[in-house]
Amino acid sequence: MNSRNLTFTAITLAALASGAALAQPMPAQPTMDKCYGVSLAGKNDCAAGPGTTCAGTSKVDYQGNAWKYVAKGTCTTMKTPKGMGSLKEM
């Protein structure tokens, strides 16, 4: 009987611990920003304007309506031959 109680207690504690791990809150802020005007032709992550569909479809380097994911907070400090990166479509 003592062995059964110990097993039941161990299983219960394991279930509670796994539930607590799953209940952790998600980070409030994403770690990446969409940065417009910094990707090279064909290297964008998505949204490259009219005539394009998605990832890898930008036509020119530093296309203002094509974005690439970059580390949060770094976009507007990225310098390109056409200017700085932007958090909004240019």
PDB file of N, CA and C in Angstrom:
ATOM      1  N   MET A   1       0.818  -1.189   0.000  1.00  0.00           N
ATOM      2  CA  MET A   1       0.000   0.000   0.000  1.00  0.00           C
ATOM      3  C   MET A   1       0.863   1.254   0.000  1.00  0.00           C
ATOM      4  N   ASN A   2       1.927   1.276   0.752  1.00  0.00           N
ATOM      5  CA  ASN A   2       2.816   2.416   0.821  1.00  0.00           C
ATOM      6  C   ASN A   2       3.444   2.698  -0.542  1.00  0.00           C
ATOM      7  N   SER A   3       3.803   1.680  -1.278  1.00  0.00           N
ATOM      8  CA  SER A   3       4.392   1.814  -2.605  1.00  0.00           C
ATOM      9  C   SER A   3       3.396   2.443  -3.579  1.00  0.00           C
ATOM     10  N   ARG A   4       2.120   2.077  -3.479  1.00  0.00           N
ATOM     11  CA  ARG A   4       1.087   2.642  -4.347  1.00  0.00           C
ATOM     12  C   ARG A   4       0.904   4.128  -4.065  1.00  0.00           C
ATOM     13  N   ASN A   5       0.899   4.515  -2.809  1.00  0.00           N
ATOM     14  CA  ASN A   5       0.757   5.924  -2.445  1.00  0.00           C
ATOM     15  C   ASN A   5       1.934   6.747  -2.971  1.00  0.00           C
ATOM     16  N   LEU A   6       3.138   6.190  -2.859  1.00  0.00           N
ATOM     17  CA  LEU A   6       4.323   6.874  -3.338  1.00  0.00           C
ATOM     18  C   LEU A   6       4.265   7.055  -4.860  1.00  0.00           C
ATOM     19  N   THR A   7       3.853   6.018  -5.576  1.00  0.00           N
ATOM     20  CA  THR A   7       3.720   6.092  -7.033  1.00  0.00           C
ATOM     21  C   THR A   7       2.668   7.127  -7.426  1.00  0.00           C
ATOM     22  N   PHE A   8       1.528   7.101  -6.764  1.00  0.00           N
ATOM     23  CA  PHE A   8       0.462   8.065  -7.054  1.00  0.00           C
ATOM     24  C   PHE A   8       0.943   9.492  -6.806  1.00  0.00           C
ATOM     25  N   THR A   9       1.652   9.698  -5.709  1.00  0.00           N
ATOM     26  CA  THR A   9       2.172  11.027  -5.382  1.00  0.00           C
ATOM     27  C   THR A   9       3.180  11.489  -6.432  1.00  0.00           C
ATOM     28  N   ALA A  10       4.052  10.604  -6.871  1.00  0.00           N
ATOM     29  CA  ALA A  10       5.054  10.947  -7.882  1.00  0.00           C
ATOM     30  C   ALA A  10       4.382  11.323  -9.200  1.00  0.00           C
ATOM     31  N   ILE A  11       3.382  10.578  -9.612  1.00  0.00           N
ATOM     32  CA  ILE A  11       2.661  10.869 -10.857  1.00  0.00           C
ATOM     33  C   ILE A  11       1.928  12.201 -10.743  1.00  0.00           C
ATOM     34  N   THR A  12       1.306  12.436  -9.619  1.00  0.00           N
ATOM     35  CA  THR A  12       0.585  13.694  -9.412  1.00  0.00           C
ATOM     36  C   THR A  12       1.533  14.882  -9.463  1.00  0.00           C
ATOM     37  N   LEU A  13       2.664  14.783  -8.796  1.00  0.00           N
ATOM     38  CA  LEU A  13       3.639  15.875  -8.807  1.00  0.00           C
ATOM     39  C   LEU A  13       4.188  16.110 -10.214  1.00  0.00           C
ATOM     40  N   ALA A  14       4.434  15.054 -10.971  1.00  0.00           N
ATOM     41  CA  ALA A  14       4.934  15.200 -12.345  1.00  0.00           C
ATOM     42  C   ALA A  14       3.901  15.907 -13.218  1.00  0.00           C
ATOM     43  N   ALA A  15       2.639  15.552 -13.055  1.00  0.00           N
ATOM     44  CA  ALA A  15       1.578  16.194 -13.839  1.00  0.00           C
ATOM     45  C   ALA A  15       1.453  17.670 -13.481  1.00  0.00           C
ATOM     46  N   LEU A  16       1.528  17.987 -12.213  1.00  0.00           N
ATOM     47  CA  LEU A  16       1.451  19.382 -11.793  1.00  0.00           C
ATOM     48  C   LEU A  16       2.636  20.190 -12.315  1.00  0.00           C
ATOM     49  N   ALA A  17       3.812  19.599 -12.268  1.00  0.00           N
ATOM     50  CA  ALA A  17       5.008  20.306 -12.737  1.00  0.00           C
ATOM     51  C   ALA A  17       4.930  20.566 -14.239  1.00  0.00           C
ATOM     52  N   SER A  18       4.468  19.588 -15.016  1.00  0.00           N
ATOM     53  CA  SER A  18       4.379  19.799 -16.463  1.00  0.00           C
ATOM     54  C   SER A  18       3.298  20.822 -16.790  1.00  0.00           C
ATOM     55  N   GLY A  19       2.221  20.839 -16.039  1.00  0.00           N
ATOM     56  CA  GLY A  19       1.170  21.837 -16.249  1.00  0.00           C
ATOM     57  C   GLY A  19       1.656  23.235 -15.939  1.00  0.00           C
ATOM     58  N   ALA A  20       2.464  23.374 -14.903  1.00  0.00           N
ATOM     59  CA  ALA A  20       3.013  24.684 -14.548  1.00  0.00           C
ATOM     60  C   ALA A  20       3.959  25.185 -15.630  1.00  0.00           C
ATOM     61  N   ALA A  21       4.724  24.282 -16.222  1.00  0.00           N
ATOM     62  CA  ALA A  21       5.651  24.681 -17.293  1.00  0.00           C
ATOM     63  C   ALA A  21       4.877  25.169 -18.512  1.00  0.00           C
ATOM     64  N   LEU A  22       3.784  24.527 -18.818  1.00  0.00           N
ATOM     65  CA  LEU A  22       2.981  24.926 -19.982  1.00  0.00           C
ATOM     66  C   LEU A  22       2.220  26.214 -19.733  1.00  0.00           C
ATOM     67  N   ALA A  23       1.990  26.558 -18.480  1.00  0.00           N
ATOM     68  CA  ALA A  23       1.198  27.745 -18.151  1.00  0.00           C
ATOM     69  C   ALA A  23       2.031  29.023 -18.104  1.00  0.00           C
ATOM     70  N   GLN A  24       3.323  28.946 -18.426  1.00  0.00           N
ATOM     71  CA  GLN A  24       4.161  30.143 -18.396  1.00  0.00           C
ATOM     72  C   GLN A  24       3.660  31.141 -19.432  1.00  0.00           C
ATOM     73  N   PRO A  25       3.623  32.429 -19.102  1.00  0.00           N
ATOM     74  CA  PRO A  25       3.126  33.431 -20.044  1.00  0.00           C
ATOM     75  C   PRO A  25       4.074  33.603 -21.224  1.00  0.00           C
ATOM     76  N   MET A  26       3.493  33.962 -22.359  1.00  0.00           N
ATOM     77  CA  MET A  26       4.288  34.240 -23.548  1.00  0.00           C
ATOM     78  C   MET A  26       4.946  35.610 -23.362  1.00  0.00           C
ATOM     79  N   PRO A  27       6.099  35.836 -24.008  1.00  0.00           N
ATOM     80  CA  PRO A  27       6.729  37.156 -23.898  1.00  0.00           C
ATOM     81  C   PRO A  27       5.786  38.243 -24.413  1.00  0.00           C
ATOM     82  N   ALA A  28       5.779  39.378 -23.754  1.00  0.00           N
ATOM     83  CA  ALA A  28       4.883  40.468 -24.123  1.00  0.00           C
ATOM     84  C   ALA A  28       5.262  41.066 -25.472  1.00  0.00           C
ATOM     85  N   GLN A  29       6.542  41.126 -25.789  1.00  0.00           N
ATOM     86  CA  GLN A  29       7.013  41.729 -27.026  1.00  0.00           C
ATOM     87  C   GLN A  29       7.683  40.670 -27.890  1.00  0.00           C
ATOM     88  N   PRO A  30       7.407  40.688 -29.194  1.00  0.00           N
ATOM     89  CA  PRO A  30       8.134  39.764 -30.069  1.00  0.00           C
ATOM     90  C   PRO A  30       9.618  40.162 -30.121  1.00  0.00           C
ATOM     91  N   THR A  31      10.461  39.237 -30.478  1.00  0.00           N
ATOM     92  CA  THR A  31      11.892  39.508 -30.514  1.00  0.00           C
ATOM     93  C   THR A  31      12.355  39.979 -31.882  1.00  0.00           C
ATOM     94  N   MET A  32      11.454  40.053 -32.842  1.00  0.00           N
ATOM     95  CA  MET A  32      11.809  40.469 -34.194  1.00  0.00           C
ATOM     96  C   MET A  32      10.874  41.580 -34.667  1.00  0.00           C
ATOM     97  N   ASP A  33      11.393  42.441 -35.543  1.00  0.00           N
ATOM     98  CA  ASP A  33      10.604  43.489 -36.186  1.00  0.00           C
ATOM     99  C   ASP A  33      10.593  43.245 -37.684  1.00  0.00           C
ATOM    100  N   LYS A  34       9.518  43.671 -38.344  1.00  0.00           N
ATOM    101  CA  LYS A  34       9.487  43.710 -39.802  1.00  0.00           C
ATOM    102  C   LYS A  34      10.178  45.006 -40.198  1.00  0.00           C
ATOM    103  N   CYS A  35      11.245  44.899 -40.960  1.00  0.00           N
ATOM    104  CA  CYS A  35      12.019  46.075 -41.346  1.00  0.00           C
ATOM    105  C   CYS A  35      11.958  46.240 -42.860  1.00  0.00           C
ATOM    106  N   TYR A  36      11.425  47.376 -43.307  1.00  0.00           N
ATOM    107  CA  TYR A  36      11.269  47.648 -44.730  1.00  0.00           C
ATOM    108  C   TYR A  36      12.505  48.326 -45.296  1.00  0.00           C
ATOM    109  N   GLY A  37      12.819  47.981 -46.551  1.00  0.00           N
ATOM    110  CA  GLY A  37      13.887  48.656 -47.280  1.00  0.00           C
ATOM    111  C   GLY A  37      15.294  48.198 -46.970  1.00  0.00           C
ATOM    112  N   VAL A  38      15.456  47.034 -46.343  1.00  0.00           N
ATOM    113  CA  VAL A  38      16.803  46.574 -45.997  1.00  0.00           C
ATOM    114  C   VAL A  38      17.197  45.266 -46.678  1.00  0.00           C
ATOM    115  N   SER A  39      16.259  44.598 -47.339  1.00  0.00           N
ATOM    116  CA  SER A  39      16.586  43.296 -47.923  1.00  0.00           C
ATOM    117  C   SER A  39      17.151  43.440 -49.336  1.00  0.00           C
ATOM    118  N   LEU A  40      17.969  42.486 -49.702  1.00  0.00           N
ATOM    119  CA  LEU A  40      18.493  42.433 -51.058  1.00  0.00           C
ATOM    120  C   LEU A  40      17.450  41.790 -51.973  1.00  0.00           C
ATOM    121  N   ALA A  41      17.576  41.980 -53.262  1.00  0.00           N
ATOM    122  CA  ALA A  41      16.632  41.412 -54.223  1.00  0.00           C
ATOM    123  C   ALA A  41      16.518  39.899 -54.009  1.00  0.00           C
ATOM    124  N   GLY A  42      15.284  39.436 -53.904  1.00  0.00           N
ATOM    125  CA  GLY A  42      15.025  38.013 -53.724  1.00  0.00           C
ATOM    126  C   GLY A  42      15.296  37.486 -52.333  1.00  0.00           C
ATOM    127  N   LYS A  43      15.630  38.333 -51.387  1.00  0.00           N
ATOM    128  CA  LYS A  43      15.957  37.894 -50.021  1.00  0.00           C
ATOM    129  C   LYS A  43      14.974  38.413 -48.979  1.00  0.00           C
ATOM    130  N   ASN A  44      13.856  38.991 -49.425  1.00  0.00           N
ATOM    131  CA  ASN A  44      12.869  39.507 -48.469  1.00  0.00           C
ATOM    132  C   ASN A  44      12.121  38.361 -47.806  1.00  0.00           C
ATOM    133  N   ASP A  45      11.546  38.624 -46.636  1.00  0.00           N
ATOM    134  CA  ASP A  45      10.778  37.602 -45.930  1.00  0.00           C
ATOM    135  C   ASP A  45       9.335  37.556 -46.405  1.00  0.00           C
ATOM    136  N   CYS A  46       8.775  38.677 -46.845  1.00  0.00           N
ATOM    137  CA  CYS A  46       7.423  38.671 -47.398  1.00  0.00           C
ATOM    138  C   CYS A  46       7.022  40.078 -47.844  1.00  0.00           C
ATOM    139  N   ALA A  47       5.836  40.195 -48.433  1.00  0.00           N
ATOM    140  CA  ALA A  47       5.212  41.465 -48.829  1.00  0.00           C
ATOM    141  C   ALA A  47       6.136  42.376 -49.615  1.00  0.00           C
ATOM    142  N   ALA A  48       6.274  42.100 -50.878  1.00  0.00           N
ATOM    143  CA  ALA A  48       7.148  42.921 -51.717  1.00  0.00           C
ATOM    144  C   ALA A  48       6.367  43.745 -52.724  1.00  0.00           C
ATOM    145  N   GLY A  49       5.135  44.068 -52.433  1.00  0.00           N
ATOM    146  CA  GLY A  49       4.364  44.974 -53.271  1.00  0.00           C
ATOM    147  C   GLY A  49       3.743  44.338 -54.500  1.00  0.00           C
ATOM    148  N   PRO A  50       3.157  45.170 -55.363  1.00  0.00           N
ATOM    149  CA  PRO A  50       2.470  44.687 -56.561  1.00  0.00           C
ATOM    150  C   PRO A  50       3.393  43.854 -57.454  1.00  0.00           C
ATOM    151  N   GLY A  51       2.830  42.788 -57.989  1.00  0.00           N
ATOM    152  CA  GLY A  51       3.589  41.927 -58.882  1.00  0.00           C
ATOM    153  C   GLY A  51       4.433  40.885 -58.184  1.00  0.00           C
ATOM    154  N   THR A  52       4.392  40.856 -56.864  1.00  0.00           N
ATOM    155  CA  THR A  52       5.135  39.853 -56.102  1.00  0.00           C
ATOM    156  C   THR A  52       4.168  39.122 -55.186  1.00  0.00           C
ATOM    157  N   THR A  53       4.570  37.975 -54.712  1.00  0.00           N
ATOM    158  CA  THR A  53       3.673  37.196 -53.870  1.00  0.00           C
ATOM    159  C   THR A  53       4.122  37.149 -52.421  1.00  0.00           C
ATOM    160  N   CYS A  54       5.347  36.723 -52.167  1.00  0.00           N
ATOM    161  CA  CYS A  54       5.777  36.633 -50.778  1.00  0.00           C
ATOM    162  C   CYS A  54       7.286  36.513 -50.682  1.00  0.00           C
ATOM    163  N   ALA A  55       7.770  35.648 -49.822  1.00  0.00           N
ATOM    164  CA  ALA A  55       9.200  35.542 -49.546  1.00  0.00           C
ATOM    165  C   ALA A  55      10.024  35.328 -50.811  1.00  0.00           C
ATOM    166  N   GLY A  56      11.124  36.069 -50.900  1.00  0.00           N
ATOM    167  CA  GLY A  56      12.057  35.900 -52.004  1.00  0.00           C
ATOM    168  C   GLY A  56      11.604  36.489 -53.322  1.00  0.00           C
ATOM    169  N   THR A  57      10.597  37.372 -53.311  1.00  0.00           N
ATOM    170  CA  THR A  57      10.057  37.880 -54.572  1.00  0.00           C
ATOM    171  C   THR A  57      10.340  39.358 -54.826  1.00  0.00           C
ATOM    172  N   SER A  58      11.147  39.995 -53.986  1.00  0.00           N
ATOM    173  CA  SER A  58      11.470  41.404 -54.261  1.00  0.00           C
ATOM    174  C   SER A  58      12.332  41.472 -55.520  1.00  0.00           C
ATOM    175  N   LYS A  59      12.176  42.542 -56.250  1.00  0.00           N
ATOM    176  CA  LYS A  59      12.830  42.671 -57.555  1.00  0.00           C
ATOM    177  C   LYS A  59      14.157  43.421 -57.507  1.00  0.00           C
ATOM    178  N   VAL A  60      14.331  44.310 -56.534  1.00  0.00           N
ATOM    179  CA  VAL A  60      15.547  45.118 -56.454  1.00  0.00           C
ATOM    180  C   VAL A  60      16.064  45.143 -55.023  1.00  0.00           C
ATOM    181  N   ASP A  61      17.318  45.466 -54.876  1.00  0.00           N
ATOM    182  CA  ASP A  61      17.906  45.628 -53.545  1.00  0.00           C
ATOM    183  C   ASP A  61      17.237  46.799 -52.828  1.00  0.00           C
ATOM    184  N   TYR A  62      16.995  46.646 -51.551  1.00  0.00           N
ATOM    185  CA  TYR A  62      16.476  47.695 -50.665  1.00  0.00           C
ATOM    186  C   TYR A  62      15.110  48.224 -51.104  1.00  0.00           C
ATOM    187  N   GLN A  63      14.293  47.349 -51.662  1.00  0.00           N
ATOM    188  CA  GLN A  63      12.947  47.727 -52.113  1.00  0.00           C
ATOM    189  C   GLN A  63      12.139  48.218 -50.915  1.00  0.00           C
ATOM    190  N   GLY A  64      11.551  49.397 -51.014  1.00  0.00           N
ATOM    191  CA  GLY A  64      10.882  50.052 -49.895  1.00  0.00           C
ATOM    192  C   GLY A  64       9.617  49.388 -49.402  1.00  0.00           C
ATOM    193  N   ASN A  65       9.003  48.529 -50.209  1.00  0.00           N
ATOM    194  CA  ASN A  65       7.784  47.862 -49.759  1.00  0.00           C
ATOM    195  C   ASN A  65       8.023  46.379 -49.487  1.00  0.00           C
ATOM    196  N   ALA A  66       9.278  45.971 -49.419  1.00  0.00           N
ATOM    197  CA  ALA A  66       9.631  44.583 -49.075  1.00  0.00           C
ATOM    198  C   ALA A  66      10.264  44.597 -47.689  1.00  0.00           C
ATOM    199  N   TRP A  67       9.854  43.658 -46.832  1.00  0.00           N
ATOM    200  CA  TRP A  67      10.407  43.643 -45.475  1.00  0.00           C
ATOM    201  C   TRP A  67      11.179  42.376 -45.193  1.00  0.00           C
ATOM    202  N   LYS A  68      12.002  42.462 -44.179  1.00  0.00           N
ATOM    203  CA  LYS A  68      12.795  41.343 -43.689  1.00  0.00           C
ATOM    204  C   LYS A  68      12.743  41.399 -42.167  1.00  0.00           C
ATOM    205  N   TYR A  69      12.684  40.227 -41.530  1.00  0.00           N
ATOM    206  CA  TYR A  69      12.731  40.198 -40.071  1.00  0.00           C
ATOM    207  C   TYR A  69      14.141  40.534 -39.598  1.00  0.00           C
ATOM    208  N   VAL A  70      14.220  41.429 -38.626  1.00  0.00           N
ATOM    209  CA  VAL A  70      15.497  41.791 -37.995  1.00  0.00           C
ATOM    210  C   VAL A  70      15.285  41.811 -36.488  1.00  0.00           C
ATOM    211  N   ALA A  71      16.363  41.777 -35.748  1.00  0.00           N
ATOM    212  CA  ALA A  71      16.275  41.807 -34.282  1.00  0.00           C
ATOM    213  C   ALA A  71      15.542  43.068 -33.833  1.00  0.00           C
ATOM    214  N   LYS A  72      14.662  42.904 -32.868  1.00  0.00           N
ATOM    215  CA  LYS A  72      13.851  44.014 -32.373  1.00  0.00           C
ATOM    216  C   LYS A  72      14.741  45.184 -31.957  1.00  0.00           C
ATOM    217  N   GLY A  73      14.338  46.372 -32.409  1.00  0.00           N
ATOM    218  CA  GLY A  73      15.050  47.577 -32.045  1.00  0.00           C
ATOM    219  C   GLY A  73      16.223  47.942 -32.941  1.00  0.00           C
ATOM    220  N   THR A  74      16.520  47.119 -33.967  1.00  0.00           N
ATOM    221  CA  THR A  74      17.675  47.409 -34.818  1.00  0.00           C
ATOM    222  C   THR A  74      17.297  47.982 -36.179  1.00  0.00           C
ATOM    223  N   CYS A  75      16.056  47.905 -36.569  1.00  0.00           N
ATOM    224  CA  CYS A  75      15.643  48.285 -37.918  1.00  0.00           C
ATOM    225  C   CYS A  75      16.035  49.713 -38.290  1.00  0.00           C
ATOM    226  N   THR A  76      15.638  50.656 -37.498  1.00  0.00           N
ATOM    227  CA  THR A  76      15.846  52.058 -37.863  1.00  0.00           C
ATOM    228  C   THR A  76      17.304  52.505 -37.739  1.00  0.00           C
ATOM    229  N   THR A  77      18.171  51.621 -37.255  1.00  0.00           N
ATOM    230  CA  THR A  77      19.593  51.944 -37.190  1.00  0.00           C
ATOM    231  C   THR A  77      20.367  51.303 -38.337  1.00  0.00           C
ATOM    232  N   MET A  78      19.667  50.532 -39.184  1.00  0.00           N
ATOM    233  CA  MET A  78      20.322  49.857 -40.308  1.00  0.00           C
ATOM    234  C   MET A  78      20.469  50.829 -41.475  1.00  0.00           C
ATOM    235  N   LYS A  79      21.695  51.052 -41.885  1.00  0.00           N
ATOM    236  CA  LYS A  79      21.957  51.988 -42.971  1.00  0.00           C
ATOM    237  C   LYS A  79      22.163  51.210 -44.268  1.00  0.00           C
ATOM    238  N   THR A  80      21.495  51.653 -45.321  1.00  0.00           N
ATOM    239  CA  THR A  80      21.630  51.049 -46.646  1.00  0.00           C
ATOM    240  C   THR A  80      22.033  52.154 -47.628  1.00  0.00           C
ATOM    241  N   PRO A  81      22.420  51.788 -48.835  1.00  0.00           N
ATOM    242  CA  PRO A  81      22.734  52.813 -49.832  1.00  0.00           C
ATOM    243  C   PRO A  81      21.544  53.720 -50.152  1.00  0.00           C
ATOM    244  N   LYS A  82      20.333  53.277 -49.818  1.00  0.00           N
ATOM    245  CA  LYS A  82      19.134  54.078 -50.081  1.00  0.00           C
ATOM    246  C   LYS A  82      18.589  54.752 -48.827  1.00  0.00           C
ATOM    247  N   GLY A  83      19.301  54.694 -47.726  1.00  0.00           N
ATOM    248  CA  GLY A  83      18.852  55.310 -46.483  1.00  0.00           C
ATOM    249  C   GLY A  83      18.749  54.311 -45.365  1.00  0.00           C
ATOM    250  N   MET A  84      17.997  54.667 -44.342  1.00  0.00           N
ATOM    251  CA  MET A  84      17.837  53.832 -43.151  1.00  0.00           C
ATOM    252  C   MET A  84      16.652  52.883 -43.307  1.00  0.00           C
ATOM    253  N   GLY A  85      16.678  51.781 -42.551  1.00  0.00           N
ATOM    254  CA  GLY A  85      15.557  50.865 -42.519  1.00  0.00           C
ATOM    255  C   GLY A  85      14.351  51.551 -41.889  1.00  0.00           C
ATOM    256  N   SER A  86      13.157  51.021 -42.170  1.00  0.00           N
ATOM    257  CA  SER A  86      11.929  51.638 -41.676  1.00  0.00           C
ATOM    258  C   SER A  86      10.983  50.572 -41.145  1.00  0.00           C
ATOM    259  N   LEU A  87      10.271  50.904 -40.072  1.00  0.00           N
ATOM    260  CA  LEU A  87       9.264  50.000 -39.530  1.00  0.00           C
ATOM    261  C   LEU A  87       7.953  50.070 -40.320  1.00  0.00           C
ATOM    262  N   LYS A  88       7.865  51.017 -41.249  1.00  0.00           N
ATOM    263  CA  LYS A  88       6.683  51.162 -42.092  1.00  0.00           C
ATOM    264  C   LYS A  88       7.102  51.106 -43.548  1.00  0.00           C
ATOM    265  N   GLU A  89       6.187  50.658 -44.392  1.00  0.00           N
ATOM    266  CA  GLU A  89       6.455  50.587 -45.827  1.00  0.00           C
ATOM    267  C   GLU A  89       6.848  51.960 -46.342  1.00  0.00           C
ATOM    268  N   MET A  90       7.841  51.992 -47.203  1.00  0.00           N
ATOM    269  CA  MET A  90       8.328  53.270 -47.748  1.00  0.00           C
ATOM    270  C   MET A  90       7.837  53.450 -49.174  1.00  0.00           C
TER     271      MET A  90
END
